[in-house]
Amino acid sequence: MQLFYAFIYSKYLYMDISIRDKLLDNLQIELGYRKNMLKDKYSNVNKLSNENNFLSEVKTNYKKHYNYIKKIKEEQYRSMSVIADYLDNLLEQTDGADKSIHKATLQQRKIVTEMNKIQKEIDEIVNITDKDTI
């Protein structure tokens, strides 16, 4: 199985950039569909579990899944926050005329943008799980 993944990875490395970008866009769209599908299923199971006690375990499993995803997202957010703080301190300590300062500023903006995305995902998970408390 590892050989298969190594083959796919090697093909991916030599792929045309435009094709790779299109593939990544398609994967992001599919991921969005699956997130919405999972959210809908969780909501349905939550509603039905009030009527059917056998679904309470399924509901608990969904809740555990969302809590796990939330934990991972919070760890990502904390890690990026540490990096952003480091870059901020670096920028404060240097004179700004250097080319690397410009690069650090761009990286800091990217990190903050990613942090905002992660925080939005955390908020979505909290909204899903809090409105349908167990």
Protein backbone atom coordinates (compact mmCIF):
# COMPACT_ATOMS: atom_id res chain seq x y z
CA MET A 1 0.00 0.00 0.00
CA GLN A 2 2.86 2.38 0.79
CA LEU A 3 4.25 1.75 -2.68
CA PHE A 4 0.94 2.88 -4.16
CA TYR A 5 1.00 6.12 -2.15
CA ALA A 6 4.64 6.70 -3.10
CA PHE A 7 3.69 6.30 -6.76
CA ILE A 8 0.80 8.75 -6.44
CA TYR A 9 3.02 11.20 -4.56
CA SER A 10 5.74 11.03 -7.23
CA LYS A 11 3.16 11.64 -9.97
CA TYR A 12 1.79 14.57 -7.97
CA LEU A 13 5.24 16.18 -7.74
CA TYR A 14 5.69 16.29 -11.49
CA MET A 15 2.14 17.37 -12.29
CA ASP A 16 1.57 20.60 -14.20
CA ILE A 17 0.89 23.41 -11.73
CA SER A 18 -2.43 24.41 -13.31
CA ILE A 19 -3.65 20.82 -13.20
CA ARG A 20 -2.51 20.49 -9.60
CA ASP A 21 -4.31 23.71 -8.65
CA LYS A 22 -7.50 22.53 -10.35
CA LEU A 23 -7.23 19.20 -8.53
CA LEU A 24 -6.78 20.99 -5.21
CA ASP A 25 -9.79 23.21 -5.95
CA ASN A 26 -11.89 20.14 -6.73
CA LEU A 27 -10.75 18.47 -3.50
CA GLN A 28 -11.69 21.59 -1.51
CA ILE A 29 -15.15 21.60 -3.09
CA GLU A 30 -15.60 17.90 -2.31
CA LEU A 31 -14.44 18.48 1.26
CA GLY A 32 -17.04 21.22 1.62
CA TYR A 33 -19.77 18.90 0.34
CA ARG A 34 -18.75 16.20 2.78
CA LYS A 35 -18.62 18.62 5.71
CA ASN A 36 -22.14 19.77 4.91
CA MET A 37 -23.32 16.19 4.50
CA LEU A 38 -21.81 15.26 7.89
CA LYS A 39 -23.41 18.29 9.50
CA ASP A 40 -26.81 17.37 8.05
CA LYS A 41 -26.48 13.76 9.17
CA TYR A 42 -25.53 14.84 12.68
CA SER A 43 -28.52 17.13 12.83
CA ASN A 44 -30.86 14.39 11.58
CA VAL A 45 -29.49 11.81 14.00
CA ASN A 46 -29.80 14.29 16.83
CA LYS A 47 -33.47 14.92 16.03
CA LEU A 48 -34.25 11.23 15.55
CA SER A 49 -32.40 10.18 18.70
CA ASN A 50 -35.06 11.95 20.74
CA GLU A 51 -37.59 9.55 19.23
CA ASN A 52 -35.37 6.46 18.98
CA ASN A 53 -33.08 5.59 21.89
CA PHE A 54 -31.02 3.23 19.73
CA LEU A 55 -29.60 6.22 17.89
CA SER A 56 -28.14 7.77 21.02
CA GLU A 57 -24.86 5.88 20.51
CA VAL A 58 -24.63 7.13 16.92
CA LYS A 59 -25.31 10.64 18.19
CA THR A 60 -22.56 10.24 20.80
CA ASN A 61 -20.13 9.07 18.12
CA TYR A 62 -20.88 12.12 15.98
CA LYS A 63 -20.35 14.35 19.01
CA LYS A 64 -17.01 12.66 19.73
CA HIS A 65 -15.97 13.16 16.11
CA TYR A 66 -16.81 16.85 16.22
CA ASN A 67 -15.01 17.26 19.54
CA TYR A 68 -11.92 15.59 18.06
CA ILE A 69 -11.99 17.87 15.00
CA LYS A 70 -12.47 20.88 17.27
CA LYS A 71 -9.47 19.85 19.37
CA ILE A 72 -7.27 19.52 16.28
CA LYS A 73 -8.41 22.91 14.98
CA GLU A 74 -7.71 24.53 18.33
CA GLU A 75 -4.19 23.03 18.32
CA GLN A 76 -3.63 24.36 14.79
CA TYR A 77 -4.83 27.77 15.88
CA ARG A 78 -2.51 27.83 18.89
CA SER A 79 0.47 26.75 16.79
CA MET A 80 -0.18 29.41 14.19
CA SER A 81 -0.64 31.97 16.92
CA VAL A 82 2.83 31.16 18.28
CA ILE A 83 4.31 31.56 14.80
CA ALA A 84 2.46 34.83 14.23
CA ASP A 85 3.69 36.17 17.58
CA TYR A 86 7.23 35.17 16.69
CA LEU A 87 7.02 36.96 13.36
CA ASP A 88 5.53 40.00 15.07
CA ASN A 89 8.42 40.12 17.56
CA LEU A 90 10.90 39.64 14.74
CA LEU A 91 9.41 42.54 12.81
CA GLU A 92 9.52 44.80 15.89
CA GLN A 93 13.19 44.02 16.50
CA THR A 94 14.43 44.73 12.97
CA ASP A 95 14.63 47.88 10.94
CA GLY A 96 12.20 47.06 8.11
CA ALA A 97 14.59 47.88 5.27
CA ASP A 98 15.55 44.29 4.75
CA LYS A 99 14.03 42.10 2.04
CA SER A 100 13.43 39.32 4.53
CA ILE A 101 11.25 41.66 6.58
CA HIS A 102 8.90 42.02 3.64
CA LYS A 103 8.79 38.24 3.29
CA ALA A 104 8.10 37.82 7.02
CA THR A 105 5.26 40.33 6.79
CA LEU A 106 3.69 38.41 3.92
CA GLN A 107 4.03 35.15 5.82
CA GLN A 108 2.46 36.75 8.87
CA ARG A 109 -0.53 37.88 6.81
CA LYS A 110 -0.96 34.37 5.41
CA ILE A 111 -0.82 32.90 8.90
CA VAL A 112 -3.40 35.35 10.23
CA THR A 113 -5.68 34.56 7.28
CA GLU A 114 -5.33 30.83 7.98
CA MET A 115 -5.97 31.45 11.68
CA ASN A 116 -9.20 33.24 10.77
CA LYS A 117 -10.27 30.26 8.62
CA ILE A 118 -9.51 27.83 11.45
CA GLN A 119 -11.39 29.97 13.97
CA LYS A 120 -14.39 30.02 11.62
CA GLU A 121 -14.27 26.21 11.40
CA ILE A 122 -14.09 25.95 15.19
CA ASP A 123 -17.07 28.29 15.50
CA GLU A 124 -19.04 26.18 13.02
CA ILE A 125 -18.32 23.02 15.00
CA VAL A 126 -19.33 24.72 18.24
CA ASN A 127 -22.55 25.96 16.65
CA ILE A 128 -23.40 22.50 15.36
CA THR A 129 -22.71 20.70 18.61
CA ASP A 130 -24.06 23.34 21.00
CA LYS A 131 -27.43 23.77 19.35
CA ASP A 132 -27.90 20.01 19.48
CA THR A 133 -26.69 19.27 22.98
CA ILE A 134 -26.68 15.72 24.21
